[in-house]
Amino acid sequence: MKRIIEILSWLSLVLIVVAPTLFYAGRISLELNKTLMLIATVTWFASALCWMGREKKA
């Protein structure tokens, strides 16, 4: 399960880079860009909390 959440987190980061690039190239509208960026940001923060920075205590 942790691996799936980690992959989802990385895919969200990719979308954060790809969405503005598509907007700059004129392939998507500003509204779609804003929506994709919002979804990707929320998804990244939610999924990153599940696997980043938590080390098991001995």
C-alpha atoms as a PDB file:
ATOM      1  CA  MET A   1       0.000   0.000   0.000  1.00  0.00           C
ATOM      2  CA  LYS A   2       2.842   2.355   0.860  1.00  0.00           C
ATOM      3  CA  ARG A   3       4.382   1.795  -2.577  1.00  0.00           C
ATOM      4  CA  ILE A   4       1.119   2.709  -4.344  1.00  0.00           C
ATOM      5  CA  ILE A   5       0.832   5.927  -2.338  1.00  0.00           C
ATOM      6  CA  GLU A   6       4.453   6.758  -3.113  1.00  0.00           C
ATOM      7  CA  ILE A   7       3.838   6.281  -6.851  1.00  0.00           C
ATOM      8  CA  LEU A   8       0.723   8.461  -6.628  1.00  0.00           C
ATOM      9  CA  SER A   9       2.793  11.143  -4.934  1.00  0.00           C
ATOM     10  CA  TRP A  10       5.415  11.100  -7.687  1.00  0.00           C
ATOM     11  CA  LEU A  11       2.737  11.197 -10.393  1.00  0.00           C
ATOM     12  CA  SER A  12       1.266  14.257  -8.714  1.00  0.00           C
ATOM     13  CA  LEU A  13       4.633  15.984  -8.865  1.00  0.00           C
ATOM     14  CA  VAL A  14       4.904  15.142 -12.552  1.00  0.00           C
ATOM     15  CA  LEU A  15       1.468  16.658 -13.149  1.00  0.00           C
ATOM     16  CA  ILE A  16       2.561  19.824 -11.326  1.00  0.00           C
ATOM     17  CA  VAL A  17       5.308  20.214 -13.943  1.00  0.00           C
ATOM     18  CA  VAL A  18       3.364  19.008 -17.002  1.00  0.00           C
ATOM     19  CA  ALA A  19       0.193  21.099 -16.553  1.00  0.00           C
ATOM     20  CA  PRO A  20       1.891  24.528 -16.814  1.00  0.00           C
ATOM     21  CA  THR A  21       4.005  23.249 -19.692  1.00  0.00           C
ATOM     22  CA  LEU A  22       0.872  22.245 -21.600  1.00  0.00           C
ATOM     23  CA  PHE A  23      -0.687  25.628 -20.843  1.00  0.00           C
ATOM     24  CA  TYR A  24       2.415  27.451 -22.057  1.00  0.00           C
ATOM     25  CA  ALA A  25       2.336  25.418 -25.269  1.00  0.00           C
ATOM     26  CA  GLY A  26      -1.301  26.393 -25.794  1.00  0.00           C
ATOM     27  CA  ARG A  27      -2.643  22.848 -25.480  1.00  0.00           C
ATOM     28  CA  ILE A  28      -4.914  23.447 -22.447  1.00  0.00           C
ATOM     29  CA  SER A  29      -6.879  26.428 -21.126  1.00  0.00           C
ATOM     30  CA  LEU A  30      -6.028  28.457 -18.056  1.00  0.00           C
ATOM     31  CA  GLU A  31      -9.027  27.091 -16.150  1.00  0.00           C
ATOM     32  CA  LEU A  32      -8.013  23.480 -16.843  1.00  0.00           C
ATOM     33  CA  ASN A  33      -4.450  24.310 -15.819  1.00  0.00           C
ATOM     34  CA  LYS A  34      -5.657  25.758 -12.515  1.00  0.00           C
ATOM     35  CA  THR A  35      -7.852  22.733 -11.874  1.00  0.00           C
ATOM     36  CA  LEU A  36      -5.067  20.260 -12.632  1.00  0.00           C
ATOM     37  CA  MET A  37      -2.606  22.168 -10.460  1.00  0.00           C
ATOM     38  CA  LEU A  38      -5.056  22.242  -7.550  1.00  0.00           C
ATOM     39  CA  ILE A  39      -5.817  18.531  -7.814  1.00  0.00           C
ATOM     40  CA  ALA A  40      -2.120  17.638  -8.116  1.00  0.00           C
ATOM     41  CA  THR A  41      -1.127  19.828  -5.166  1.00  0.00           C
ATOM     42  CA  VAL A  42      -3.805  18.452  -2.847  1.00  0.00           C
ATOM     43  CA  THR A  43      -3.025  14.898  -3.937  1.00  0.00           C
ATOM     44  CA  TRP A  44       0.689  15.379  -3.369  1.00  0.00           C
ATOM     45  CA  PHE A  45       0.280  16.818   0.115  1.00  0.00           C
ATOM     46  CA  ALA A  46      -2.190  14.109   1.121  1.00  0.00           C
ATOM     47  CA  SER A  47      -0.092  11.257  -0.242  1.00  0.00           C
ATOM     48  CA  ALA A  48       3.308  12.580   0.855  1.00  0.00           C
ATOM     49  CA  LEU A  49       2.158  12.719   4.468  1.00  0.00           C
ATOM     50  CA  CYS A  50       1.671   8.967   4.359  1.00  0.00           C
ATOM     51  CA  TRP A  51       5.218   8.006   3.416  1.00  0.00           C
ATOM     52  CA  MET A  52       7.697  10.883   3.801  1.00  0.00           C
ATOM     53  CA  GLY A  53       9.581  11.680   6.952  1.00  0.00           C
ATOM     54  CA  ARG A  54       8.356   8.861   9.128  1.00  0.00           C
ATOM     55  CA  GLU A  55      11.098   6.603  10.298  1.00  0.00           C
ATOM     56  CA  LYS A  56      10.411   3.625  12.504  1.00  0.00           C
ATOM     57  CA  LYS A  57      11.529   4.004  16.091  1.00  0.00           C
ATOM     58  CA  ALA A  58      13.749   1.310  17.528  1.00  0.00           C
END
